[in-house]
Amino acid sequence: MIREKRDLKPKDLAIITIIGKDRTGVVAHVSQALYEENVNIEDISQTIMGNNFVMVMLVDLKNAKKDISGLRKKLEKVGEKIGQQIQIQNEKIFESMHRV
């Protein structure tokens, strides 16, 4: 019998929001930055509102090379490069701030 090796380490989820003018390459740039830091994208949603691009990502940081502060700095630089506002926040904090 072959046993599947399971990763028992709990997920460390964060929410990333990207807002800016719609342009080619936004998803590619953000995804590449996350890939470089070993961040797993759990879920992604995007839409175009007028001329604005809006994307929300649920990511798992449990195997990330940097902590959330380091990722925030990297994503801010990516955002400056591509003309987007990018924010990252721990999922629990995000959820508590957005409860009605």
PDB file of N, CA and C in Angstrom:
ATOM      1  N   MET A   1       0.839  -1.180   0.000  1.00  0.00           N
ATOM      2  CA  MET A   1       0.000   0.000   0.000  1.00  0.00           C
ATOM      3  C   MET A   1       0.886   1.247   0.000  1.00  0.00           C
ATOM      4  N   ILE A   2       0.600   2.161  -0.883  1.00  0.00           N
ATOM      5  CA  ILE A   2       1.345   3.415  -0.967  1.00  0.00           C
ATOM      6  C   ILE A   2       0.603   4.455  -0.149  1.00  0.00           C
ATOM      7  N   ARG A   3       1.323   5.062   0.758  1.00  0.00           N
ATOM      8  CA  ARG A   3       0.706   6.115   1.570  1.00  0.00           C
ATOM      9  C   ARG A   3       1.068   7.470   0.997  1.00  0.00           C
ATOM     10  N   GLU A   4       0.075   8.299   0.933  1.00  0.00           N
ATOM     11  CA  GLU A   4       0.291   9.656   0.455  1.00  0.00           C
ATOM     12  C   GLU A   4       0.893  10.476   1.586  1.00  0.00           C
ATOM     13  N   LYS A   5       1.971  11.161   1.280  1.00  0.00           N
ATOM     14  CA  LYS A   5       2.600  12.026   2.276  1.00  0.00           C
ATOM     15  C   LYS A   5       1.789  13.319   2.352  1.00  0.00           C
ATOM     16  N   ARG A   6       1.324  13.641   3.528  1.00  0.00           N
ATOM     17  CA  ARG A   6       0.506  14.843   3.709  1.00  0.00           C
ATOM     18  C   ARG A   6       1.314  15.941   4.369  1.00  0.00           C
ATOM     19  N   ASP A   7       0.997  17.153   3.963  1.00  0.00           N
ATOM     20  CA  ASP A   7       1.596  18.320   4.594  1.00  0.00           C
ATOM     21  C   ASP A   7       0.685  18.712   5.750  1.00  0.00           C
ATOM     22  N   LEU A   8       1.139  18.473   6.968  1.00  0.00           N
ATOM     23  CA  LEU A   8       0.305  18.731   8.143  1.00  0.00           C
ATOM     24  C   LEU A   8       0.418  20.161   8.662  1.00  0.00           C
ATOM     25  N   LYS A   9       1.298  20.933   8.074  1.00  0.00           N
ATOM     26  CA  LYS A   9       1.460  22.320   8.485  1.00  0.00           C
ATOM     27  C   LYS A   9       0.203  23.105   8.082  1.00  0.00           C
ATOM     28  N   PRO A  10      -0.414  23.837   9.022  1.00  0.00           N
ATOM     29  CA  PRO A  10      -1.638  24.570   8.674  1.00  0.00           C
ATOM     30  C   PRO A  10      -1.365  25.695   7.675  1.00  0.00           C
ATOM     31  N   LYS A  11      -2.396  26.044   6.946  1.00  0.00           N
ATOM     32  CA  LYS A  11      -2.268  27.129   5.971  1.00  0.00           C
ATOM     33  C   LYS A  11      -2.126  28.463   6.693  1.00  0.00           C
ATOM     34  N   ASP A  12      -1.416  29.371   6.052  1.00  0.00           N
ATOM     35  CA  ASP A  12      -1.222  30.733   6.539  1.00  0.00           C
ATOM     36  C   ASP A  12      -1.759  31.641   5.438  1.00  0.00           C
ATOM     37  N   LEU A  13      -3.050  31.919   5.482  1.00  0.00           N
ATOM     38  CA  LEU A  13      -3.717  32.598   4.375  1.00  0.00           C
ATOM     39  C   LEU A  13      -3.637  34.115   4.468  1.00  0.00           C
ATOM     40  N   ALA A  14      -3.564  34.722   3.288  1.00  0.00           N
ATOM     41  CA  ALA A  14      -3.554  36.182   3.171  1.00  0.00           C
ATOM     42  C   ALA A  14      -4.395  36.567   1.958  1.00  0.00           C
ATOM     43  N   ILE A  15      -4.865  37.800   1.974  1.00  0.00           N
ATOM     44  CA  ILE A  15      -5.648  38.360   0.870  1.00  0.00           C
ATOM     45  C   ILE A  15      -4.796  39.429   0.190  1.00  0.00           C
ATOM     46  N   ILE A  16      -4.703  39.334  -1.129  1.00  0.00           N
ATOM     47  CA  ILE A  16      -4.008  40.346  -1.926  1.00  0.00           C
ATOM     48  C   ILE A  16      -5.053  41.036  -2.788  1.00  0.00           C
ATOM     49  N   THR A  17      -5.043  42.373  -2.783  1.00  0.00           N
ATOM     50  CA  THR A  17      -5.929  43.134  -3.666  1.00  0.00           C
ATOM     51  C   THR A  17      -5.079  43.947  -4.628  1.00  0.00           C
ATOM     52  N   ILE A  18      -5.509  43.977  -5.878  1.00  0.00           N
ATOM     53  CA  ILE A  18      -4.816  44.720  -6.930  1.00  0.00           C
ATOM     54  C   ILE A  18      -5.860  45.599  -7.611  1.00  0.00           C
ATOM     55  N   ILE A  19      -5.591  46.897  -7.661  1.00  0.00           N
ATOM     56  CA  ILE A  19      -6.523  47.842  -8.282  1.00  0.00           C
ATOM     57  C   ILE A  19      -5.727  48.826  -9.122  1.00  0.00           C
ATOM     58  N   GLY A  20      -6.204  49.079 -10.339  1.00  0.00           N
ATOM     59  CA  GLY A  20      -5.551  50.054 -11.205  1.00  0.00           C
ATOM     60  C   GLY A  20      -6.172  50.050 -12.585  1.00  0.00           C
ATOM     61  N   LYS A  21      -5.575  50.800 -13.486  1.00  0.00           N
ATOM     62  CA  LYS A  21      -6.054  50.842 -14.863  1.00  0.00           C
ATOM     63  C   LYS A  21      -5.854  49.476 -15.507  1.00  0.00           C
ATOM     64  N   ASP A  22      -6.821  49.080 -16.322  1.00  0.00           N
ATOM     65  CA  ASP A  22      -6.732  47.805 -17.026  1.00  0.00           C
ATOM     66  C   ASP A  22      -5.594  47.860 -18.038  1.00  0.00           C
ATOM     67  N   ARG A  23      -4.710  46.877 -17.959  1.00  0.00           N
ATOM     68  CA  ARG A  23      -3.595  46.792 -18.901  1.00  0.00           C
ATOM     69  C   ARG A  23      -3.108  45.353 -18.982  1.00  0.00           C
ATOM     70  N   THR A  24      -2.428  45.044 -20.034  1.00  0.00           N
ATOM     71  CA  THR A  24      -1.895  43.704 -20.260  1.00  0.00           C
ATOM     72  C   THR A  24      -0.769  43.398 -19.281  1.00  0.00           C
ATOM     73  N   GLY A  25      -0.745  42.176 -18.771  1.00  0.00           N
ATOM     74  CA  GLY A  25       0.383  41.700 -17.980  1.00  0.00           C
ATOM     75  C   GLY A  25       0.258  41.807 -16.476  1.00  0.00           C
ATOM     76  N   VAL A  26      -0.837  42.350 -15.973  1.00  0.00           N
ATOM     77  CA  VAL A  26      -0.971  42.519 -14.520  1.00  0.00           C
ATOM     78  C   VAL A  26      -0.929  41.165 -13.814  1.00  0.00           C
ATOM     79  N   VAL A  27      -1.757  40.235 -14.264  1.00  0.00           N
ATOM     80  CA  VAL A  27      -1.808  38.910 -13.632  1.00  0.00           C
ATOM     81  C   VAL A  27      -0.443  38.233 -13.728  1.00  0.00           C
ATOM     82  N   ALA A  28       0.205  38.337 -14.871  1.00  0.00           N
ATOM     83  CA  ALA A  28       1.515  37.708 -15.071  1.00  0.00           C
ATOM     84  C   ALA A  28       2.562  38.265 -14.113  1.00  0.00           C
ATOM     85  N   HIS A  29       2.619  39.584 -13.963  1.00  0.00           N
ATOM     86  CA  HIS A  29       3.618  40.194 -13.079  1.00  0.00           C
ATOM     87  C   HIS A  29       3.396  39.802 -11.618  1.00  0.00           C
ATOM     88  N   VAL A  30       2.153  39.858 -11.175  1.00  0.00           N
ATOM     89  CA  VAL A  30       1.860  39.531  -9.776  1.00  0.00           C
ATOM     90  C   VAL A  30       2.101  38.044  -9.524  1.00  0.00           C
ATOM     91  N   SER A  31       1.635  37.197 -10.427  1.00  0.00           N
ATOM     92  CA  SER A  31       1.839  35.750 -10.277  1.00  0.00           C
ATOM     93  C   SER A  31       3.319  35.395 -10.259  1.00  0.00           C
ATOM     94  N   GLN A  32       4.107  36.031 -11.102  1.00  0.00           N
ATOM     95  CA  GLN A  32       5.550  35.770 -11.140  1.00  0.00           C
ATOM     96  C   GLN A  32       6.207  36.155  -9.817  1.00  0.00           C
ATOM     97  N   ALA A  33       5.826  37.305  -9.274  1.00  0.00           N
ATOM     98  CA  ALA A  33       6.393  37.742  -7.991  1.00  0.00           C
ATOM     99  C   ALA A  33       6.056  36.748  -6.884  1.00  0.00           C
ATOM    100  N   LEU A  34       4.837  36.244  -6.879  1.00  0.00           N
ATOM    101  CA  LEU A  34       4.431  35.265  -5.868  1.00  0.00           C
ATOM    102  C   LEU A  34       5.164  33.942  -6.068  1.00  0.00           C
ATOM    103  N   TYR A  35       5.309  33.518  -7.304  1.00  0.00           N
ATOM    104  CA  TYR A  35       6.043  32.292  -7.620  1.00  0.00           C
ATOM    105  C   TYR A  35       7.485  32.375  -7.101  1.00  0.00           C
ATOM    106  N   GLU A  36       8.124  33.509  -7.329  1.00  0.00           N
ATOM    107  CA  GLU A  36       9.517  33.698  -6.896  1.00  0.00           C
ATOM    108  C   GLU A  36       9.668  33.569  -5.385  1.00  0.00           C
ATOM    109  N   GLU A  37       8.607  33.852  -4.641  1.00  0.00           N
ATOM    110  CA  GLU A  37       8.651  33.786  -3.179  1.00  0.00           C
ATOM    111  C   GLU A  37       7.990  32.523  -2.628  1.00  0.00           C
ATOM    112  N   ASN A  38       7.671  31.579  -3.507  1.00  0.00           N
ATOM    113  CA  ASN A  38       7.085  30.292  -3.117  1.00  0.00           C
ATOM    114  C   ASN A  38       5.729  30.459  -2.415  1.00  0.00           C
ATOM    115  N   VAL A  39       4.936  31.396  -2.914  1.00  0.00           N
ATOM    116  CA  VAL A  39       3.594  31.649  -2.391  1.00  0.00           C
ATOM    117  C   VAL A  39       2.594  30.935  -3.298  1.00  0.00           C
ATOM    118  N   ASN A  40       1.690  30.165  -2.706  1.00  0.00           N
ATOM    119  CA  ASN A  40       0.698  29.420  -3.470  1.00  0.00           C
ATOM    120  C   ASN A  40      -0.595  30.226  -3.602  1.00  0.00           C
ATOM    121  N   ILE A  41      -1.096  30.343  -4.822  1.00  0.00           N
ATOM    122  CA  ILE A  41      -2.375  31.011  -5.066  1.00  0.00           C
ATOM    123  C   ILE A  41      -3.481  29.983  -4.865  1.00  0.00           C
ATOM    124  N   GLU A  42      -4.322  30.217  -3.871  1.00  0.00           N
ATOM    125  CA  GLU A  42      -5.430  29.314  -3.551  1.00  0.00           C
ATOM    126  C   GLU A  42      -6.676  29.636  -4.373  1.00  0.00           C
ATOM    127  N   ASP A  43      -6.940  30.922  -4.566  1.00  0.00           N
ATOM    128  CA  ASP A  43      -8.131  31.350  -5.300  1.00  0.00           C
ATOM    129  C   ASP A  43      -7.861  32.731  -5.882  1.00  0.00           C
ATOM    130  N   ILE A  44      -8.544  33.034  -6.971  1.00  0.00           N
ATOM    131  CA  ILE A  44      -8.345  34.325  -7.623  1.00  0.00           C
ATOM    132  C   ILE A  44      -9.658  34.767  -8.265  1.00  0.00           C
ATOM    133  N   SER A  45      -9.945  36.052  -8.164  1.00  0.00           N
ATOM    134  CA  SER A  45     -11.135  36.624  -8.784  1.00  0.00           C
ATOM    135  C   SER A  45     -10.738  37.969  -9.374  1.00  0.00           C
ATOM    136  N   GLN A  46     -11.191  38.230 -10.577  1.00  0.00           N
ATOM    137  CA  GLN A  46     -10.863  39.510 -11.199  1.00  0.00           C
ATOM    138  C   GLN A  46     -12.035  40.006 -12.019  1.00  0.00           C
ATOM    139  N   THR A  47     -12.075  41.318 -12.176  1.00  0.00           N
ATOM    140  CA  THR A  47     -13.129  41.930 -12.978  1.00  0.00           C
ATOM    141  C   THR A  47     -12.610  43.253 -13.529  1.00  0.00           C
ATOM    142  N   ILE A  48     -13.290  43.744 -14.529  1.00  0.00           N
ATOM    143  CA  ILE A  48     -13.012  45.064 -15.085  1.00  0.00           C
ATOM    144  C   ILE A  48     -14.215  45.938 -14.743  1.00  0.00           C
ATOM    145  N   MET A  49     -13.957  47.078 -14.109  1.00  0.00           N
ATOM    146  CA  MET A  49     -15.016  48.031 -13.766  1.00  0.00           C
ATOM    147  C   MET A  49     -14.701  49.326 -14.496  1.00  0.00           C
ATOM    148  N   GLY A  50     -15.380  49.545 -15.621  1.00  0.00           N
ATOM    149  CA  GLY A  50     -15.043  50.690 -16.457  1.00  0.00           C
ATOM    150  C   GLY A  50     -13.667  50.457 -17.054  1.00  0.00           C
ATOM    151  N   ASN A  51     -12.733  51.359 -16.781  1.00  0.00           N
ATOM    152  CA  ASN A  51     -11.348  51.191 -17.226  1.00  0.00           C
ATOM    153  C   ASN A  51     -10.453  50.638 -16.123  1.00  0.00           C
ATOM    154  N   ASN A  52     -11.039  50.260 -15.006  1.00  0.00           N
ATOM    155  CA  ASN A  52     -10.253  49.793 -13.863  1.00  0.00           C
ATOM    156  C   ASN A  52     -10.238  48.275 -13.761  1.00  0.00           C
ATOM    157  N   PHE A  53      -9.064  47.762 -13.468  1.00  0.00           N
ATOM    158  CA  PHE A  53      -8.848  46.340 -13.239  1.00  0.00           C
ATOM    159  C   PHE A  53      -8.886  46.118 -11.732  1.00  0.00           C
ATOM    160  N   VAL A  54      -9.650  45.125 -11.285  1.00  0.00           N
ATOM    161  CA  VAL A  54      -9.740  44.797  -9.860  1.00  0.00           C
ATOM    162  C   VAL A  54      -9.529  43.292  -9.717  1.00  0.00           C
ATOM    163  N   MET A  55      -8.577  42.906  -8.876  1.00  0.00           N
ATOM    164  CA  MET A  55      -8.311  41.490  -8.657  1.00  0.00           C
ATOM    165  C   MET A  55      -8.124  41.239  -7.167  1.00  0.00           C
ATOM    166  N   VAL A  56      -8.671  40.126  -6.701  1.00  0.00           N
ATOM    167  CA  VAL A  56      -8.505  39.693  -5.315  1.00  0.00           C
ATOM    168  C   VAL A  56      -7.964  38.270  -5.358  1.00  0.00           C
ATOM    169  N   MET A  57      -6.908  38.032  -4.587  1.00  0.00           N
ATOM    170  CA  MET A  57      -6.288  36.710  -4.532  1.00  0.00           C
ATOM    171  C   MET A  57      -6.270  36.218  -3.090  1.00  0.00           C
ATOM    172  N   LEU A  58      -6.547  34.944  -2.916  1.00  0.00           N
ATOM    173  CA  LEU A  58      -6.361  34.274  -1.637  1.00  0.00           C
ATOM    174  C   LEU A  58      -5.095  33.447  -1.799  1.00  0.00           C
ATOM    175  N   VAL A  59      -4.098  33.709  -0.965  1.00  0.00           N
ATOM    176  CA  VAL A  59      -2.808  33.027  -1.094  1.00  0.00           C
ATOM    177  C   VAL A  59      -2.421  32.355   0.215  1.00  0.00           C
ATOM    178  N   ASP A  60      -1.603  31.318   0.087  1.00  0.00           N
ATOM    179  CA  ASP A  60      -1.096  30.589   1.247  1.00  0.00           C
ATOM    180  C   ASP A  60       0.386  30.915   1.402  1.00  0.00           C
ATOM    181  N   LEU A  61       0.746  31.452   2.562  1.00  0.00           N
ATOM    182  CA  LEU A  61       2.118  31.887   2.831  1.00  0.00           C
ATOM    183  C   LEU A  61       2.935  30.866   3.617  1.00  0.00           C
ATOM    184  N   LYS A  62       2.380  29.686   3.884  1.00  0.00           N
ATOM    185  CA  LYS A  62       3.054  28.753   4.796  1.00  0.00           C
ATOM    186  C   LYS A  62       4.449  28.347   4.333  1.00  0.00           C
ATOM    187  N   ASN A  63       4.714  28.317   3.035  1.00  0.00           N
ATOM    188  CA  ASN A  63       6.040  27.954   2.528  1.00  0.00           C
ATOM    189  C   ASN A  63       6.773  29.136   1.907  1.00  0.00           C
ATOM    190  N   ALA A  64       6.264  30.344   2.162  1.00  0.00           N
ATOM    191  CA  ALA A  64       6.848  31.540   1.555  1.00  0.00           C
ATOM    192  C   ALA A  64       8.264  31.789   2.059  1.00  0.00           C
ATOM    193  N   LYS A  65       9.083  32.335   1.169  1.00  0.00           N
ATOM    194  CA  LYS A  65      10.468  32.671   1.514  1.00  0.00           C
ATOM    195  C   LYS A  65      10.538  33.910   2.405  1.00  0.00           C
ATOM    196  N   LYS A  66       9.543  34.795   2.283  1.00  0.00           N
ATOM    197  CA  LYS A  66       9.516  36.033   3.071  1.00  0.00           C
ATOM    198  C   LYS A  66       8.266  36.056   3.940  1.00  0.00           C
ATOM    199  N   ASP A  67       8.330  36.823   5.027  1.00  0.00           N
ATOM    200  CA  ASP A  67       7.131  37.014   5.839  1.00  0.00           C
ATOM    201  C   ASP A  67       6.223  38.027   5.131  1.00  0.00           C
ATOM    202  N   ILE A  68       5.073  38.289   5.717  1.00  0.00           N
ATOM    203  CA  ILE A  68       4.091  39.153   5.057  1.00  0.00           C
ATOM    204  C   ILE A  68       4.624  40.572   4.846  1.00  0.00           C
ATOM    205  N   SER A  69       5.471  41.067   5.743  1.00  0.00           N
ATOM    206  CA  SER A  69       6.059  42.407   5.572  1.00  0.00           C
ATOM    207  C   SER A  69       6.988  42.448   4.368  1.00  0.00           C
ATOM    208  N   GLY A  70       7.803  41.410   4.224  1.00  0.00           N
ATOM    209  CA  GLY A  70       8.703  41.325   3.072  1.00  0.00           C
ATOM    210  C   GLY A  70       7.938  41.203   1.766  1.00  0.00           C
ATOM    211  N   LEU A  71       6.875  40.419   1.787  1.00  0.00           N
ATOM    212  CA  LEU A  71       6.041  40.283   0.590  1.00  0.00           C
ATOM    213  C   LEU A  71       5.349  41.596   0.258  1.00  0.00           C
ATOM    214  N   ARG A  72       4.902  42.323   1.285  1.00  0.00           N
ATOM    215  CA  ARG A  72       4.247  43.614   1.067  1.00  0.00           C
ATOM    216  C   ARG A  72       5.192  44.562   0.328  1.00  0.00           C
ATOM    217  N   LYS A  73       6.445  44.617   0.764  1.00  0.00           N
ATOM    218  CA  LYS A  73       7.428  45.495   0.108  1.00  0.00           C
ATOM    219  C   LYS A  73       7.648  45.088  -1.342  1.00  0.00           C
ATOM    220  N   LYS A  74       7.781  43.786  -1.575  1.00  0.00           N
ATOM    221  CA  LYS A  74       7.999  43.308  -2.942  1.00  0.00           C
ATOM    222  C   LYS A  74       6.793  43.619  -3.823  1.00  0.00           C
ATOM    223  N   LEU A  75       5.591  43.368  -3.318  1.00  0.00           N
ATOM    224  CA  LEU A  75       4.389  43.616  -4.111  1.00  0.00           C
ATOM    225  C   LEU A  75       4.171  45.106  -4.363  1.00  0.00           C
ATOM    226  N   GLU A  76       4.547  45.957  -3.417  1.00  0.00           N
ATOM    227  CA  GLU A  76       4.450  47.404  -3.639  1.00  0.00           C
ATOM    228  C   GLU A  76       5.355  47.823  -4.793  1.00  0.00           C
ATOM    229  N   LYS A  77       6.557  47.244  -4.860  1.00  0.00           N
ATOM    230  CA  LYS A  77       7.480  47.545  -5.968  1.00  0.00           C
ATOM    231  C   LYS A  77       6.913  47.063  -7.295  1.00  0.00           C
ATOM    232  N   VAL A  78       6.333  45.872  -7.299  1.00  0.00           N
ATOM    233  CA  VAL A  78       5.694  45.357  -8.516  1.00  0.00           C
ATOM    234  C   VAL A  78       4.567  46.300  -8.927  1.00  0.00           C
ATOM    235  N   GLY A  79       3.756  46.731  -7.967  1.00  0.00           N
ATOM    236  CA  GLY A  79       2.658  47.646  -8.245  1.00  0.00           C
ATOM    237  C   GLY A  79       3.129  48.955  -8.860  1.00  0.00           C
ATOM    238  N   GLU A  80       4.217  49.509  -8.329  1.00  0.00           N
ATOM    239  CA  GLU A  80       4.778  50.742  -8.892  1.00  0.00           C
ATOM    240  C   GLU A  80       5.213  50.518 -10.335  1.00  0.00           C
ATOM    241  N   LYS A  81       5.832  49.387 -10.591  1.00  0.00           N
ATOM    242  CA  LYS A  81       6.336  49.061 -11.932  1.00  0.00           C
ATOM    243  C   LYS A  81       5.202  48.945 -12.950  1.00  0.00           C
ATOM    244  N   ILE A  82       4.067  48.374 -12.539  1.00  0.00           N
ATOM    245  CA  ILE A  82       2.976  48.117 -13.488  1.00  0.00           C
ATOM    246  C   ILE A  82       1.791  49.074 -13.331  1.00  0.00           C
ATOM    247  N   GLY A  83       1.930  50.073 -12.475  1.00  0.00           N
ATOM    248  CA  GLY A  83       0.878  51.077 -12.315  1.00  0.00           C
ATOM    249  C   GLY A  83      -0.372  50.573 -11.619  1.00  0.00           C
ATOM    250  N   GLN A  84      -0.185  49.715 -10.617  1.00  0.00           N
ATOM    251  CA  GLN A  84      -1.305  49.155  -9.866  1.00  0.00           C
ATOM    252  C   GLN A  84      -1.078  49.378  -8.372  1.00  0.00           C
ATOM    253  N   GLN A  85      -2.158  49.483  -7.633  1.00  0.00           N
ATOM    254  CA  GLN A  85      -2.070  49.539  -6.175  1.00  0.00           C
ATOM    255  C   GLN A  85      -2.248  48.105  -5.677  1.00  0.00           C
ATOM    256  N   ILE A  86      -1.225  47.569  -5.000  1.00  0.00           N
ATOM    257  CA  ILE A  86      -1.271  46.193  -4.520  1.00  0.00           C
ATOM    258  C   ILE A  86      -1.124  46.198  -3.008  1.00  0.00           C
ATOM    259  N   GLN A  87      -2.056  45.506  -2.337  1.00  0.00           N
ATOM    260  CA  GLN A  87      -2.013  45.393  -0.880  1.00  0.00           C
ATOM    261  C   GLN A  87      -2.128  43.930  -0.489  1.00  0.00           C
ATOM    262  N   ILE A  88      -1.475  43.565   0.613  1.00  0.00           N
ATOM    263  CA  ILE A  88      -1.578  42.214   1.154  1.00  0.00           C
ATOM    264  C   ILE A  88      -1.903  42.320   2.634  1.00  0.00           C
ATOM    265  N   GLN A  89      -2.768  41.438   3.090  1.00  0.00           N
ATOM    266  CA  GLN A  89      -3.210  41.473   4.482  1.00  0.00           C
ATOM    267  C   GLN A  89      -3.517  40.048   4.945  1.00  0.00           C
ATOM    268  N   ASN A  90      -3.196  39.760   6.192  1.00  0.00           N
ATOM    269  CA  ASN A  90      -3.539  38.466   6.763  1.00  0.00           C
ATOM    270  C   ASN A  90      -5.040  38.250   6.625  1.00  0.00           C
ATOM    271  N   GLU A  91      -5.443  37.046   6.248  1.00  0.00           N
ATOM    272  CA  GLU A  91      -6.865  36.767   6.011  1.00  0.00           C
ATOM    273  C   GLU A  91      -7.725  37.037   7.241  1.00  0.00           C
ATOM    274  N   LYS A  92      -7.245  36.692   8.418  1.00  0.00           N
ATOM    275  CA  LYS A  92      -8.046  36.891   9.632  1.00  0.00           C
ATOM    276  C   LYS A  92      -8.291  38.372   9.891  1.00  0.00           C
ATOM    277  N   ILE A  93      -7.288  39.193   9.675  1.00  0.00           N
ATOM    278  CA  ILE A  93      -7.443  40.642   9.843  1.00  0.00           C
ATOM    279  C   ILE A  93      -8.402  41.182   8.783  1.00  0.00           C
ATOM    280  N   PHE A  94      -8.219  40.740   7.540  1.00  0.00           N
ATOM    281  CA  PHE A  94      -9.096  41.163   6.447  1.00  0.00           C
ATOM    282  C   PHE A  94     -10.549  40.827   6.762  1.00  0.00           C
ATOM    283  N   GLU A  95     -10.800  39.598   7.197  1.00  0.00           N
ATOM    284  CA  GLU A  95     -12.162  39.160   7.505  1.00  0.00           C
ATOM    285  C   GLU A  95     -12.772  39.972   8.645  1.00  0.00           C
ATOM    286  N   SER A  96     -12.004  40.237   9.694  1.00  0.00           N
ATOM    287  CA  SER A  96     -12.550  40.987  10.831  1.00  0.00           C
ATOM    288  C   SER A  96     -12.844  42.440  10.455  1.00  0.00           C
ATOM    289  N   MET A  97     -12.061  43.006   9.550  1.00  0.00           N
ATOM    290  CA  MET A  97     -12.282  44.387   9.126  1.00  0.00           C
ATOM    291  C   MET A  97     -13.480  44.521   8.195  1.00  0.00           C
ATOM    292  N   HIS A  98     -13.861  43.445   7.517  1.00  0.00           N
ATOM    293  CA  HIS A  98     -14.920  43.523   6.516  1.00  0.00           C
ATOM    294  C   HIS A  98     -16.207  42.831   6.945  1.00  0.00           C
ATOM    295  N   ARG A  99     -16.349  42.577   8.229  1.00  0.00           N
ATOM    296  CA  ARG A  99     -17.611  42.024   8.738  1.00  0.00           C
ATOM    297  C   ARG A  99     -18.621  43.134   8.887  1.00  0.00           C
ATOM    298  N   VAL A 100     -19.844  42.800   8.577  1.00  0.00           N
ATOM    299  CA  VAL A 100     -20.920  43.791   8.685  1.00  0.00           C
ATOM    300  C   VAL A 100     -21.665  43.568   9.972  1.00  0.00           C
TER     301      VAL A 100
END
